[in-house]
Amino acid sequence: MTLKQQAIQIALNGDWKEAARLNIEILKENPKDTESLNRLAFALTALGNFKQAKEAYEKVLAVDPLNPIAQRGIRKLNTPGNHSTGIPTHLVSNMFLEESGKTKIISLVNTAPAKTLRNLQVGQSVQMIKKRNKIFVQDESKEYIGVLPDDVGRRLIKFMDGGNQYESYVKSGNDHDIMIFIKEVKRATRFKNQPSFLLGDKTHLAISKSAYKNQEDLDEE
């Protein structure tokens, strides 16, 4: 396993101190590696080292002035009273803790182009939008990312319409695939004995439409 793969895996486990150390090691070989600088900045932010995190983001912008991850990170750090990781505290200490029936790791279908997926970051909050019996996933800037598989989407729509509430975060991804972590944060009384997710839920379905078509569906009123 390469250092980069180790750094990503450690971040998935929420070990921010080790994640920072590994990315610093990578940067010794290539100080202008913007991906590693962004990962380092994110880990430092999670650790509360805001000054160092900002410096790391600034190094990214010195190499790539339009880098959206660094721009977003700097913007959050520069906002008074908003020195937060963007990840709830309970996820920082033990990221993506799975609970039977309450959480699910889902592979999105009909994903956005690679350029969009590259801009996403592990732990980043994403939004789930209900429309036309589907659940679309988008980032904080309302940019389309993908769609939940139909079986999972239909089930969640029933629960969401009934009062359940959920949070979702980027779990992992590459240029073609993206996985999100969905967590039930509130269960309506009427569903007190009904889990949000079943063990048999499928997370991979065949793609029937292009990402662009799904983006159009989301944009339409």
N, C-alpha and C. Protein backbone atom coordinates (compact mmCIF):
# COMPACT_ATOMS: atom_id res chain seq x y z
N MET A 1 0.84 -1.19 0.00
CA MET A 1 0.00 0.00 0.00
C MET A 1 0.89 1.25 0.00
N THR A 2 0.61 2.17 -0.89
CA THR A 2 1.41 3.39 -0.98
C THR A 2 1.10 4.32 0.19
N LEU A 3 1.97 5.32 0.38
CA LEU A 3 1.73 6.29 1.44
C LEU A 3 0.41 7.03 1.22
N LYS A 4 0.13 7.33 -0.05
CA LYS A 4 -1.12 8.03 -0.36
C LYS A 4 -2.32 7.18 0.05
N GLN A 5 -2.28 5.89 -0.30
CA GLN A 5 -3.39 5.01 0.06
C GLN A 5 -3.53 4.89 1.58
N GLN A 6 -2.38 4.84 2.25
CA GLN A 6 -2.41 4.79 3.72
C GLN A 6 -3.03 6.05 4.30
N ALA A 7 -2.65 7.19 3.75
CA ALA A 7 -3.16 8.47 4.25
C ALA A 7 -4.67 8.55 4.09
N ILE A 8 -5.18 8.08 2.96
CA ILE A 8 -6.62 8.10 2.71
C ILE A 8 -7.34 7.15 3.66
N GLN A 9 -6.78 5.95 3.83
CA GLN A 9 -7.41 4.96 4.70
C GLN A 9 -7.44 5.43 6.15
N ILE A 10 -6.34 6.02 6.59
CA ILE A 10 -6.28 6.51 7.97
C ILE A 10 -7.31 7.62 8.19
N ALA A 11 -7.49 8.47 7.17
CA ALA A 11 -8.49 9.53 7.27
C ALA A 11 -9.89 8.93 7.37
N LEU A 12 -10.14 7.86 6.63
CA LEU A 12 -11.45 7.20 6.68
C LEU A 12 -11.73 6.67 8.08
N ASN A 13 -10.67 6.33 8.81
CA ASN A 13 -10.82 5.82 10.17
C ASN A 13 -10.89 6.94 11.20
N GLY A 14 -10.70 8.19 10.74
CA GLY A 14 -10.79 9.32 11.64
C GLY A 14 -9.57 9.55 12.50
N ASP A 15 -8.43 8.92 12.14
CA ASP A 15 -7.19 9.12 12.90
C ASP A 15 -6.46 10.32 12.29
N TRP A 16 -6.88 11.52 12.68
CA TRP A 16 -6.40 12.74 12.03
C TRP A 16 -4.92 13.02 12.31
N LYS A 17 -4.45 12.66 13.48
CA LYS A 17 -3.04 12.89 13.82
C LYS A 17 -2.13 12.08 12.90
N GLU A 18 -2.46 10.81 12.71
CA GLU A 18 -1.67 9.96 11.83
C GLU A 18 -1.85 10.38 10.37
N ALA A 19 -3.05 10.80 10.02
CA ALA A 19 -3.32 11.26 8.65
C ALA A 19 -2.44 12.47 8.33
N ALA A 20 -2.33 13.39 9.28
CA ALA A 20 -1.49 14.57 9.08
C ALA A 20 -0.03 14.16 8.91
N ARG A 21 0.42 13.23 9.74
CA ARG A 21 1.82 12.78 9.68
C ARG A 21 2.13 12.15 8.32
N LEU A 22 1.24 11.31 7.84
CA LEU A 22 1.48 10.63 6.56
C LEU A 22 1.50 11.62 5.40
N ASN A 23 0.61 12.60 5.42
CA ASN A 23 0.60 13.58 4.34
C ASN A 23 1.83 14.47 4.38
N ILE A 24 2.34 14.74 5.56
CA ILE A 24 3.59 15.51 5.67
C ILE A 24 4.74 14.71 5.06
N GLU A 25 4.74 13.40 5.27
CA GLU A 25 5.77 12.53 4.68
C GLU A 25 5.69 12.58 3.16
N ILE A 26 4.49 12.53 2.62
CA ILE A 26 4.30 12.58 1.16
C ILE A 26 4.81 13.90 0.62
N LEU A 27 4.55 14.98 1.34
CA LEU A 27 4.92 16.31 0.88
C LEU A 27 6.43 16.55 0.91
N LYS A 28 7.15 15.75 1.65
CA LYS A 28 8.61 15.87 1.65
C LYS A 28 9.16 15.51 0.27
N GLU A 29 8.48 14.61 -0.42
CA GLU A 29 8.89 14.21 -1.77
C GLU A 29 8.40 15.19 -2.82
N ASN A 30 7.22 15.74 -2.60
CA ASN A 30 6.63 16.67 -3.56
C ASN A 30 5.84 17.74 -2.81
N PRO A 31 6.48 18.83 -2.44
CA PRO A 31 5.84 19.91 -1.65
C PRO A 31 4.66 20.58 -2.35
N LYS A 32 4.54 20.38 -3.67
CA LYS A 32 3.46 21.02 -4.41
C LYS A 32 2.32 20.05 -4.75
N ASP A 33 2.28 18.93 -4.07
CA ASP A 33 1.22 17.95 -4.28
C ASP A 33 -0.07 18.50 -3.65
N THR A 34 -0.92 19.07 -4.47
CA THR A 34 -2.12 19.75 -3.95
C THR A 34 -3.09 18.80 -3.26
N GLU A 35 -3.19 17.57 -3.73
CA GLU A 35 -4.10 16.61 -3.09
C GLU A 35 -3.65 16.33 -1.66
N SER A 36 -2.34 16.13 -1.49
CA SER A 36 -1.81 15.85 -0.15
C SER A 36 -1.91 17.08 0.75
N LEU A 37 -1.70 18.26 0.16
CA LEU A 37 -1.83 19.50 0.94
C LEU A 37 -3.27 19.69 1.42
N ASN A 38 -4.23 19.38 0.56
CA ASN A 38 -5.63 19.49 0.96
C ASN A 38 -5.98 18.48 2.04
N ARG A 39 -5.47 17.25 1.89
CA ARG A 39 -5.72 16.24 2.92
C ARG A 39 -5.08 16.66 4.25
N LEU A 40 -3.87 17.23 4.17
CA LEU A 40 -3.19 17.70 5.38
C LEU A 40 -4.00 18.82 6.05
N ALA A 41 -4.46 19.76 5.24
CA ALA A 41 -5.24 20.89 5.78
C ALA A 41 -6.51 20.40 6.46
N PHE A 42 -7.15 19.44 5.85
CA PHE A 42 -8.40 18.90 6.40
C PHE A 42 -8.13 18.21 7.74
N ALA A 43 -7.04 17.43 7.79
CA ALA A 43 -6.68 16.74 9.04
C ALA A 43 -6.32 17.74 10.13
N LEU A 44 -5.57 18.77 9.76
CA LEU A 44 -5.19 19.80 10.73
C LEU A 44 -6.40 20.55 11.25
N THR A 45 -7.37 20.79 10.37
CA THR A 45 -8.60 21.45 10.80
C THR A 45 -9.34 20.58 11.81
N ALA A 46 -9.41 19.28 11.52
CA ALA A 46 -10.08 18.35 12.43
C ALA A 46 -9.39 18.31 13.79
N LEU A 47 -8.08 18.53 13.79
CA LEU A 47 -7.31 18.53 15.03
C LEU A 47 -7.36 19.87 15.76
N GLY A 48 -7.94 20.88 15.09
CA GLY A 48 -8.05 22.20 15.71
C GLY A 48 -6.85 23.09 15.46
N ASN A 49 -5.94 22.65 14.57
CA ASN A 49 -4.76 23.46 14.24
C ASN A 49 -5.10 24.37 13.06
N PHE A 50 -5.93 25.38 13.32
CA PHE A 50 -6.49 26.18 12.24
C PHE A 50 -5.45 27.02 11.49
N LYS A 51 -4.48 27.56 12.21
CA LYS A 51 -3.46 28.37 11.56
C LYS A 51 -2.66 27.55 10.56
N GLN A 52 -2.24 26.35 10.98
CA GLN A 52 -1.48 25.48 10.09
C GLN A 52 -2.33 24.98 8.94
N ALA A 53 -3.60 24.73 9.22
CA ALA A 53 -4.51 24.29 8.17
C ALA A 53 -4.64 25.37 7.10
N LYS A 54 -4.80 26.62 7.54
CA LYS A 54 -4.92 27.73 6.60
C LYS A 54 -3.65 27.85 5.76
N GLU A 55 -2.49 27.68 6.39
CA GLU A 55 -1.21 27.75 5.66
C GLU A 55 -1.13 26.67 4.59
N ALA A 56 -1.64 25.48 4.91
CA ALA A 56 -1.62 24.38 3.94
C ALA A 56 -2.54 24.70 2.76
N TYR A 57 -3.72 25.23 3.06
CA TYR A 57 -4.64 25.61 1.98
C TYR A 57 -4.03 26.71 1.11
N GLU A 58 -3.34 27.65 1.75
CA GLU A 58 -2.71 28.73 1.00
C GLU A 58 -1.64 28.21 0.05
N LYS A 59 -0.95 27.16 0.46
CA LYS A 59 0.06 26.54 -0.41
C LYS A 59 -0.61 25.91 -1.63
N VAL A 60 -1.78 25.35 -1.41
CA VAL A 60 -2.54 24.78 -2.54
C VAL A 60 -2.89 25.88 -3.52
N LEU A 61 -3.42 26.99 -3.01
CA LEU A 61 -3.86 28.08 -3.87
C LEU A 61 -2.69 28.77 -4.58
N ALA A 62 -1.49 28.65 -4.00
CA ALA A 62 -0.31 29.21 -4.66
C ALA A 62 0.02 28.40 -5.91
N VAL A 63 -0.31 27.11 -5.88
CA VAL A 63 -0.07 26.22 -7.02
C VAL A 63 -1.27 26.22 -7.96
N ASP A 64 -2.45 26.17 -7.36
CA ASP A 64 -3.69 26.09 -8.13
C ASP A 64 -4.70 27.08 -7.56
N PRO A 65 -4.68 28.33 -8.03
CA PRO A 65 -5.53 29.40 -7.46
C PRO A 65 -7.03 29.12 -7.48
N LEU A 66 -7.48 28.24 -8.36
CA LEU A 66 -8.91 27.96 -8.48
C LEU A 66 -9.30 26.63 -7.83
N ASN A 67 -8.40 26.05 -7.05
CA ASN A 67 -8.70 24.76 -6.42
C ASN A 67 -9.92 24.91 -5.50
N PRO A 68 -11.03 24.24 -5.81
CA PRO A 68 -12.27 24.44 -5.04
C PRO A 68 -12.21 23.94 -3.61
N ILE A 69 -11.45 22.87 -3.36
CA ILE A 69 -11.35 22.34 -2.00
C ILE A 69 -10.63 23.35 -1.11
N ALA A 70 -9.51 23.88 -1.59
CA ALA A 70 -8.77 24.87 -0.82
C ALA A 70 -9.56 26.16 -0.65
N GLN A 71 -10.25 26.57 -1.69
CA GLN A 71 -11.06 27.78 -1.60
C GLN A 71 -12.14 27.63 -0.54
N ARG A 72 -12.78 26.46 -0.54
CA ARG A 72 -13.84 26.21 0.45
C ARG A 72 -13.26 26.15 1.86
N GLY A 73 -12.09 25.50 1.99
CA GLY A 73 -11.46 25.39 3.30
C GLY A 73 -11.04 26.74 3.85
N ILE A 74 -10.44 27.56 3.00
CA ILE A 74 -10.04 28.91 3.42
C ILE A 74 -11.26 29.74 3.82
N ARG A 75 -12.31 29.62 3.04
CA ARG A 75 -13.52 30.40 3.32
C ARG A 75 -14.09 30.04 4.69
N LYS A 76 -14.11 28.77 5.02
CA LYS A 76 -14.63 28.35 6.32
C LYS A 76 -13.73 28.84 7.45
N LEU A 77 -12.43 28.74 7.24
CA LEU A 77 -11.49 29.16 8.29
C LEU A 77 -11.48 30.67 8.49
N ASN A 78 -11.83 31.41 7.44
CA ASN A 78 -11.84 32.87 7.53
C ASN A 78 -13.16 33.43 8.06
N THR A 79 -14.16 32.55 8.20
CA THR A 79 -15.45 32.99 8.70
C THR A 79 -15.43 33.05 10.22
N PRO A 80 -15.63 34.22 10.81
CA PRO A 80 -15.59 34.36 12.27
C PRO A 80 -16.53 33.38 12.96
N GLY A 81 -15.99 32.71 13.96
CA GLY A 81 -16.80 31.77 14.74
C GLY A 81 -17.12 30.49 14.02
N ASN A 82 -16.49 30.27 12.86
CA ASN A 82 -16.79 29.06 12.09
C ASN A 82 -15.57 28.17 11.98
N HIS A 83 -14.72 28.16 12.99
CA HIS A 83 -13.56 27.28 12.97
C HIS A 83 -13.99 25.87 13.33
N SER A 84 -14.55 25.22 12.36
CA SER A 84 -15.00 23.85 12.58
C SER A 84 -14.52 22.99 11.45
N THR A 85 -14.57 21.70 11.62
CA THR A 85 -14.10 20.76 10.60
C THR A 85 -15.12 20.59 9.49
N GLY A 86 -16.36 21.00 9.73
CA GLY A 86 -17.41 20.68 8.76
C GLY A 86 -17.94 19.29 9.01
N ILE A 87 -17.40 18.59 10.02
CA ILE A 87 -17.84 17.25 10.37
C ILE A 87 -18.29 17.28 11.82
N PRO A 88 -19.46 16.76 12.14
CA PRO A 88 -19.89 16.74 13.52
C PRO A 88 -18.85 16.08 14.42
N THR A 89 -18.76 16.55 15.67
CA THR A 89 -17.76 16.05 16.60
C THR A 89 -17.80 14.55 16.76
N HIS A 90 -19.00 13.97 16.78
CA HIS A 90 -19.08 12.54 17.00
C HIS A 90 -18.49 11.74 15.85
N LEU A 91 -18.39 12.38 14.67
CA LEU A 91 -17.77 11.68 13.54
C LEU A 91 -16.27 11.92 13.49
N VAL A 92 -15.82 13.02 14.06
CA VAL A 92 -14.39 13.30 14.06
C VAL A 92 -13.65 12.25 14.88
N SER A 93 -14.18 11.93 16.04
CA SER A 93 -13.51 10.99 16.93
C SER A 93 -13.58 9.55 16.42
N ASN A 94 -14.64 9.21 15.75
CA ASN A 94 -14.77 7.84 15.24
C ASN A 94 -15.60 7.90 13.96
N MET A 95 -14.94 8.31 12.91
CA MET A 95 -15.63 8.63 11.67
C MET A 95 -16.30 7.41 11.06
N PHE A 96 -17.52 7.62 10.58
CA PHE A 96 -18.27 6.59 9.88
C PHE A 96 -18.55 5.37 10.74
N LEU A 97 -18.82 5.59 12.02
CA LEU A 97 -19.19 4.50 12.91
C LEU A 97 -20.52 3.93 12.42
N GLU A 98 -20.53 2.64 12.14
CA GLU A 98 -21.72 2.00 11.60
C GLU A 98 -22.61 1.46 12.71
N GLU A 99 -23.91 1.69 12.57
CA GLU A 99 -24.91 1.17 13.50
C GLU A 99 -25.95 0.43 12.69
N SER A 100 -26.19 -0.82 13.05
CA SER A 100 -27.13 -1.65 12.32
C SER A 100 -28.50 -0.99 12.22
N GLY A 101 -28.99 -0.86 11.00
CA GLY A 101 -30.31 -0.28 10.77
C GLY A 101 -30.34 1.23 10.72
N LYS A 102 -29.29 1.88 11.25
CA LYS A 102 -29.28 3.34 11.31
C LYS A 102 -28.30 3.99 10.34
N THR A 103 -27.35 3.24 9.83
CA THR A 103 -26.37 3.81 8.91
C THR A 103 -26.21 2.90 7.70
N LYS A 104 -25.71 3.48 6.64
CA LYS A 104 -25.48 2.70 5.42
C LYS A 104 -24.43 3.41 4.56
N ILE A 105 -23.53 2.64 4.00
CA ILE A 105 -22.57 3.15 3.02
C ILE A 105 -23.12 2.80 1.65
N ILE A 106 -23.35 3.82 0.84
CA ILE A 106 -24.04 3.65 -0.44
C ILE A 106 -23.16 4.11 -1.60
N SER A 107 -23.10 3.30 -2.65
CA SER A 107 -22.45 3.72 -3.89
C SER A 107 -23.49 4.43 -4.75
N LEU A 108 -23.22 5.67 -5.10
CA LEU A 108 -24.16 6.42 -5.93
C LEU A 108 -24.14 5.91 -7.36
N VAL A 109 -25.25 6.10 -8.05
CA VAL A 109 -25.33 5.75 -9.47
C VAL A 109 -25.48 7.04 -10.27
N ASN A 110 -25.28 6.92 -11.56
CA ASN A 110 -25.40 8.08 -12.46
C ASN A 110 -24.59 9.26 -11.95
N THR A 111 -23.35 9.00 -11.62
CA THR A 111 -22.52 10.03 -11.00
C THR A 111 -22.12 11.14 -11.96
N ALA A 112 -21.75 12.27 -11.37
CA ALA A 112 -21.33 13.45 -12.12
C ALA A 112 -19.99 13.18 -12.82
N PRO A 113 -19.58 14.05 -13.72
CA PRO A 113 -18.29 13.88 -14.41
C PRO A 113 -17.13 13.86 -13.42
N ALA A 114 -16.02 13.28 -13.86
CA ALA A 114 -14.83 13.12 -13.01
C ALA A 114 -14.37 14.44 -12.40
N LYS A 115 -14.47 15.52 -13.16
CA LYS A 115 -14.00 16.82 -12.67
C LYS A 115 -14.72 17.21 -11.39
N THR A 116 -16.02 16.91 -11.31
CA THR A 116 -16.79 17.22 -10.12
C THR A 116 -16.43 16.31 -8.97
N LEU A 117 -16.28 15.01 -9.26
CA LEU A 117 -15.98 14.04 -8.21
C LEU A 117 -14.62 14.30 -7.58
N ARG A 118 -13.66 14.78 -8.37
CA ARG A 118 -12.32 15.05 -7.84
C ARG A 118 -12.34 16.17 -6.80
N ASN A 119 -13.34 17.02 -6.86
CA ASN A 119 -13.41 18.14 -5.94
C ASN A 119 -14.00 17.78 -4.58
N LEU A 120 -14.49 16.56 -4.46
CA LEU A 120 -15.08 16.14 -3.20
C LEU A 120 -13.99 15.66 -2.25
N GLN A 121 -14.29 15.74 -0.95
CA GLN A 121 -13.30 15.38 0.05
C GLN A 121 -13.93 14.46 1.09
N VAL A 122 -13.16 13.49 1.53
CA VAL A 122 -13.64 12.56 2.55
C VAL A 122 -14.13 13.34 3.77
N GLY A 123 -15.33 12.99 4.23
CA GLY A 123 -15.91 13.67 5.39
C GLY A 123 -16.75 14.87 5.05
N GLN A 124 -16.73 15.27 3.78
CA GLN A 124 -17.50 16.45 3.37
C GLN A 124 -19.00 16.15 3.47
N SER A 125 -19.74 17.09 4.03
CA SER A 125 -21.19 16.94 4.12
C SER A 125 -21.83 17.10 2.75
N VAL A 126 -22.80 16.25 2.44
CA VAL A 126 -23.55 16.36 1.19
C VAL A 126 -25.04 16.36 1.52
N GLN A 127 -25.82 16.83 0.58
CA GLN A 127 -27.26 16.96 0.79
C GLN A 127 -28.02 15.95 -0.04
N MET A 128 -29.10 15.42 0.54
CA MET A 128 -29.97 14.49 -0.18
C MET A 128 -31.28 15.22 -0.50
N ILE A 129 -31.60 15.31 -1.78
CA ILE A 129 -32.77 16.05 -2.24
C ILE A 129 -33.79 15.09 -2.86
N LYS A 130 -35.03 15.13 -2.38
CA LYS A 130 -36.08 14.27 -2.91
C LYS A 130 -36.70 14.92 -4.14
N LYS A 131 -36.84 14.13 -5.21
CA LYS A 131 -37.53 14.65 -6.40
C LYS A 131 -37.89 13.49 -7.32
N ARG A 132 -39.13 13.46 -7.74
CA ARG A 132 -39.62 12.45 -8.68
C ARG A 132 -39.28 11.03 -8.25
N ASN A 133 -39.59 10.73 -7.02
CA ASN A 133 -39.36 9.38 -6.47
C ASN A 133 -37.91 8.95 -6.48
N LYS A 134 -37.02 9.93 -6.52
CA LYS A 134 -35.60 9.64 -6.45
C LYS A 134 -34.97 10.54 -5.40
N ILE A 135 -33.79 10.15 -4.93
CA ILE A 135 -33.03 11.02 -4.04
C ILE A 135 -31.73 11.39 -4.73
N PHE A 136 -31.61 12.68 -5.05
CA PHE A 136 -30.42 13.22 -5.68
C PHE A 136 -29.46 13.68 -4.58
N VAL A 137 -28.18 13.54 -4.84
CA VAL A 137 -27.16 13.97 -3.88
C VAL A 137 -26.38 15.12 -4.49
N GLN A 138 -26.21 16.18 -3.70
CA GLN A 138 -25.48 17.34 -4.19
C GLN A 138 -24.59 17.89 -3.07
N ASP A 139 -23.58 18.69 -3.46
CA ASP A 139 -22.69 19.24 -2.45
C ASP A 139 -23.29 20.51 -1.86
N GLU A 140 -22.50 21.19 -1.01
CA GLU A 140 -23.00 22.38 -0.32
C GLU A 140 -23.30 23.52 -1.28
N SER A 141 -22.69 23.47 -2.47
CA SER A 141 -22.93 24.50 -3.48
C SER A 141 -24.06 24.11 -4.42
N LYS A 142 -24.77 23.04 -4.08
CA LYS A 142 -25.89 22.51 -4.85
C LYS A 142 -25.45 21.97 -6.21
N GLU A 143 -24.20 21.52 -6.28
CA GLU A 143 -23.72 20.89 -7.52
C GLU A 143 -24.03 19.40 -7.47
N TYR A 144 -24.59 18.91 -8.55
CA TYR A 144 -25.01 17.51 -8.65
C TYR A 144 -23.83 16.56 -8.50
N ILE A 145 -24.03 15.50 -7.68
CA ILE A 145 -23.00 14.48 -7.49
C ILE A 145 -23.46 13.13 -8.02
N GLY A 146 -24.68 12.75 -7.70
CA GLY A 146 -25.18 11.45 -8.14
C GLY A 146 -26.56 11.19 -7.56
N VAL A 147 -27.01 9.93 -7.68
CA VAL A 147 -28.34 9.54 -7.24
C VAL A 147 -28.23 8.27 -6.39
N LEU A 148 -29.08 8.15 -5.38
CA LEU A 148 -29.14 6.91 -4.62
C LEU A 148 -29.76 5.82 -5.49
N PRO A 149 -29.32 4.57 -5.34
CA PRO A 149 -29.97 3.47 -6.06
C PRO A 149 -31.47 3.49 -5.77
N ASP A 150 -32.27 3.08 -6.74
CA ASP A 150 -33.72 3.21 -6.62
C ASP A 150 -34.31 2.54 -5.38
N ASP A 151 -33.83 1.33 -5.05
CA ASP A 151 -34.45 0.62 -3.91
C ASP A 151 -34.19 1.36 -2.60
N VAL A 152 -32.96 1.81 -2.40
CA VAL A 152 -32.62 2.54 -1.18
C VAL A 152 -33.33 3.89 -1.18
N GLY A 153 -33.34 4.56 -2.34
CA GLY A 153 -33.97 5.87 -2.43
C GLY A 153 -35.45 5.84 -2.10
N ARG A 154 -36.16 4.87 -2.65
CA ARG A 154 -37.61 4.78 -2.39
C ARG A 154 -37.89 4.53 -0.91
N ARG A 155 -37.07 3.67 -0.30
CA ARG A 155 -37.25 3.38 1.12
C ARG A 155 -37.02 4.63 1.97
N LEU A 156 -35.95 5.37 1.67
CA LEU A 156 -35.65 6.56 2.45
C LEU A 156 -36.69 7.66 2.25
N ILE A 157 -37.22 7.77 1.04
CA ILE A 157 -38.26 8.78 0.79
C ILE A 157 -39.45 8.53 1.72
N LYS A 158 -39.83 7.26 1.88
CA LYS A 158 -40.95 6.93 2.78
C LYS A 158 -40.65 7.41 4.20
N PHE A 159 -39.44 7.15 4.66
CA PHE A 159 -39.08 7.55 6.02
C PHE A 159 -38.93 9.07 6.16
N MET A 160 -38.35 9.69 5.16
CA MET A 160 -38.18 11.15 5.21
C MET A 160 -39.53 11.85 5.21
N ASP A 161 -40.44 11.37 4.37
CA ASP A 161 -41.77 11.96 4.33
C ASP A 161 -42.50 11.77 5.65
N GLY A 162 -42.14 10.71 6.38
CA GLY A 162 -42.79 10.42 7.65
C GLY A 162 -42.15 11.08 8.85
N GLY A 163 -41.06 11.83 8.62
CA GLY A 163 -40.46 12.57 9.72
C GLY A 163 -39.05 12.18 10.11
N ASN A 164 -38.51 11.11 9.53
CA ASN A 164 -37.12 10.75 9.83
C ASN A 164 -36.18 11.80 9.26
N GLN A 165 -35.01 11.97 9.92
CA GLN A 165 -34.00 12.91 9.44
C GLN A 165 -32.66 12.19 9.29
N TYR A 166 -31.89 12.62 8.29
CA TYR A 166 -30.63 11.95 7.98
C TYR A 166 -29.52 12.96 7.71
N GLU A 167 -28.29 12.53 7.94
CA GLU A 167 -27.10 13.28 7.54
C GLU A 167 -26.32 12.38 6.59
N SER A 168 -25.58 13.00 5.68
CA SER A 168 -24.80 12.19 4.74
C SER A 168 -23.46 12.87 4.46
N TYR A 169 -22.44 12.04 4.26
CA TYR A 169 -21.07 12.52 4.08
C TYR A 169 -20.37 11.69 3.01
N VAL A 170 -19.37 12.30 2.38
CA VAL A 170 -18.55 11.57 1.42
C VAL A 170 -17.72 10.55 2.17
N LYS A 171 -17.80 9.30 1.77
CA LYS A 171 -17.03 8.23 2.42
C LYS A 171 -15.74 7.96 1.65
N SER A 172 -15.86 7.85 0.35
CA SER A 172 -14.69 7.60 -0.50
C SER A 172 -15.10 7.80 -1.94
N GLY A 173 -14.12 7.81 -2.83
CA GLY A 173 -14.46 7.97 -4.23
C GLY A 173 -13.24 8.08 -5.13
N ASN A 174 -13.50 8.07 -6.42
CA ASN A 174 -12.47 8.27 -7.43
C ASN A 174 -13.11 9.02 -8.59
N ASP A 175 -12.48 8.96 -9.76
CA ASP A 175 -12.99 9.73 -10.90
C ASP A 175 -14.33 9.22 -11.43
N HIS A 176 -14.71 8.00 -11.05
CA HIS A 176 -15.92 7.41 -11.64
C HIS A 176 -16.94 6.96 -10.61
N ASP A 177 -16.52 6.75 -9.38
CA ASP A 177 -17.43 6.24 -8.35
C ASP A 177 -17.33 7.09 -7.10
N ILE A 178 -18.44 7.15 -6.40
CA ILE A 178 -18.45 7.88 -5.13
C ILE A 178 -19.33 7.12 -4.15
N MET A 179 -18.86 7.00 -2.93
CA MET A 179 -19.62 6.33 -1.88
C MET A 179 -19.91 7.35 -0.79
N ILE A 180 -21.15 7.33 -0.29
CA ILE A 180 -21.50 8.23 0.79
C ILE A 180 -21.94 7.42 2.01
N PHE A 181 -21.77 8.04 3.17
CA PHE A 181 -22.18 7.44 4.44
C PHE A 181 -23.45 8.16 4.88
N ILE A 182 -24.54 7.41 5.05
CA ILE A 182 -25.80 8.00 5.46
C ILE A 182 -26.11 7.56 6.89
N LYS A 183 -26.49 8.50 7.71
CA LYS A 183 -26.78 8.21 9.12
C LYS A 183 -28.15 8.75 9.50
N GLU A 184 -28.95 7.91 10.09
CA GLU A 184 -30.24 8.33 10.64
C GLU A 184 -29.97 9.10 11.93
N VAL A 185 -30.41 10.36 11.99
CA VAL A 185 -30.18 11.17 13.19
C VAL A 185 -31.46 11.41 13.98
N LYS A 186 -32.60 11.14 13.36
CA LYS A 186 -33.87 11.24 14.08
C LYS A 186 -34.85 10.25 13.49
N ARG A 187 -35.48 9.45 14.36
CA ARG A 187 -36.47 8.49 13.89
C ARG A 187 -37.85 8.92 14.39
N ALA A 188 -38.79 9.06 13.49
CA ALA A 188 -40.14 9.45 13.85
C ALA A 188 -40.79 8.36 14.69
N THR A 189 -41.67 8.77 15.58
CA THR A 189 -42.34 7.81 16.48
C THR A 189 -43.04 6.70 15.71
N ARG A 190 -43.63 7.05 14.60
CA ARG A 190 -44.38 6.06 13.82
C ARG A 190 -43.49 4.97 13.26
N PHE A 191 -42.17 5.25 13.19
CA PHE A 191 -41.23 4.27 12.64
C PHE A 191 -40.31 3.69 13.72
N LYS A 192 -40.73 3.79 15.00
CA LYS A 192 -39.83 3.43 16.09
C LYS A 192 -39.30 2.00 16.00
N ASN A 193 -40.04 1.11 15.38
CA ASN A 193 -39.59 -0.29 15.26
C ASN A 193 -39.17 -0.65 13.84
N GLN A 194 -39.00 0.38 13.01
CA GLN A 194 -38.63 0.12 11.62
C GLN A 194 -37.25 0.72 11.32
N PRO A 195 -36.24 -0.12 11.04
CA PRO A 195 -34.91 0.40 10.73
C PRO A 195 -34.90 1.10 9.38
N SER A 196 -34.08 2.11 9.27
CA SER A 196 -33.97 2.83 8.00
C SER A 196 -33.38 1.95 6.91
N PHE A 197 -32.45 1.08 7.31
CA PHE A 197 -31.74 0.26 6.33
C PHE A 197 -31.82 -1.21 6.71
N LEU A 198 -32.02 -2.05 5.71
CA LEU A 198 -32.06 -3.49 5.91
C LEU A 198 -30.77 -4.10 5.42
N LEU A 199 -30.41 -5.24 5.97
CA LEU A 199 -29.17 -5.90 5.57
C LEU A 199 -29.17 -6.26 4.09
N GLY A 200 -30.37 -6.45 3.53
CA GLY A 200 -30.44 -6.85 2.13
C GLY A 200 -30.47 -5.71 1.15
N ASP A 201 -30.40 -4.45 1.65
CA ASP A 201 -30.42 -3.31 0.73
C ASP A 201 -29.27 -3.40 -0.25
N LYS A 202 -29.56 -3.19 -1.52
CA LYS A 202 -28.51 -3.21 -2.54
C LYS A 202 -27.89 -1.83 -2.65
N THR A 203 -26.60 -1.80 -2.90
CA THR A 203 -25.94 -0.50 -3.04
C THR A 203 -25.41 -0.28 -4.45
N HIS A 204 -25.60 -1.27 -5.33
CA HIS A 204 -25.13 -1.10 -6.71
C HIS A 204 -26.26 -1.52 -7.66
N LEU A 205 -26.69 -0.62 -8.50
CA LEU A 205 -27.70 -0.93 -9.51
C LEU A 205 -27.20 -0.46 -10.87
N ALA A 206 -27.74 -1.05 -11.91
CA ALA A 206 -27.33 -0.65 -13.25
C ALA A 206 -27.73 0.78 -13.52
N ILE A 207 -26.89 1.50 -14.25
CA ILE A 207 -27.16 2.89 -14.60
C ILE A 207 -28.06 2.92 -15.83
N SER A 208 -29.17 3.60 -15.71
CA SER A 208 -30.11 3.64 -16.82
C SER A 208 -30.16 4.99 -17.51
N LYS A 209 -29.63 6.03 -16.85
CA LYS A 209 -29.61 7.36 -17.45
C LYS A 209 -28.23 7.95 -17.26
N SER A 210 -27.92 8.94 -18.05
CA SER A 210 -26.63 9.59 -17.90
C SER A 210 -26.67 10.57 -16.74
N ALA A 211 -25.49 10.94 -16.26
CA ALA A 211 -25.41 11.91 -15.17
C ALA A 211 -26.03 13.23 -15.60
N TYR A 212 -25.83 13.58 -16.86
CA TYR A 212 -26.34 14.86 -17.33
C TYR A 212 -27.86 14.87 -17.32
N LYS A 213 -28.48 13.74 -17.67
CA LYS A 213 -29.93 13.67 -17.66
C LYS A 213 -30.45 13.84 -16.24
N ASN A 214 -29.79 13.20 -15.27
CA ASN A 214 -30.21 13.33 -13.89
C ASN A 214 -30.02 14.75 -13.38
N GLN A 215 -28.97 15.42 -13.83
CA GLN A 215 -28.76 16.81 -13.45
C GLN A 215 -29.92 17.66 -13.97
N GLU A 216 -30.36 17.37 -15.20
CA GLU A 216 -31.48 18.12 -15.76
C GLU A 216 -32.74 17.88 -14.95
N ASP A 217 -32.96 16.63 -14.53
CA ASP A 217 -34.13 16.31 -13.72
C ASP A 217 -34.12 17.10 -12.42
N LEU A 218 -32.95 17.23 -11.81
CA LEU A 218 -32.84 17.94 -10.54
C LEU A 218 -33.07 19.43 -10.73
N ASP A 219 -32.62 19.96 -11.85
CA ASP A 219 -32.74 21.40 -12.10
C ASP A 219 -34.16 21.82 -12.44
N GLU A 220 -34.93 20.91 -13.01
CA GLU A 220 -36.29 21.26 -13.44
C GLU A 220 -37.18 21.53 -12.25
N GLU A 221 -38.04 22.47 -12.39
CA GLU A 221 -38.99 22.81 -11.31
C GLU A 221 -40.17 21.85 -11.34
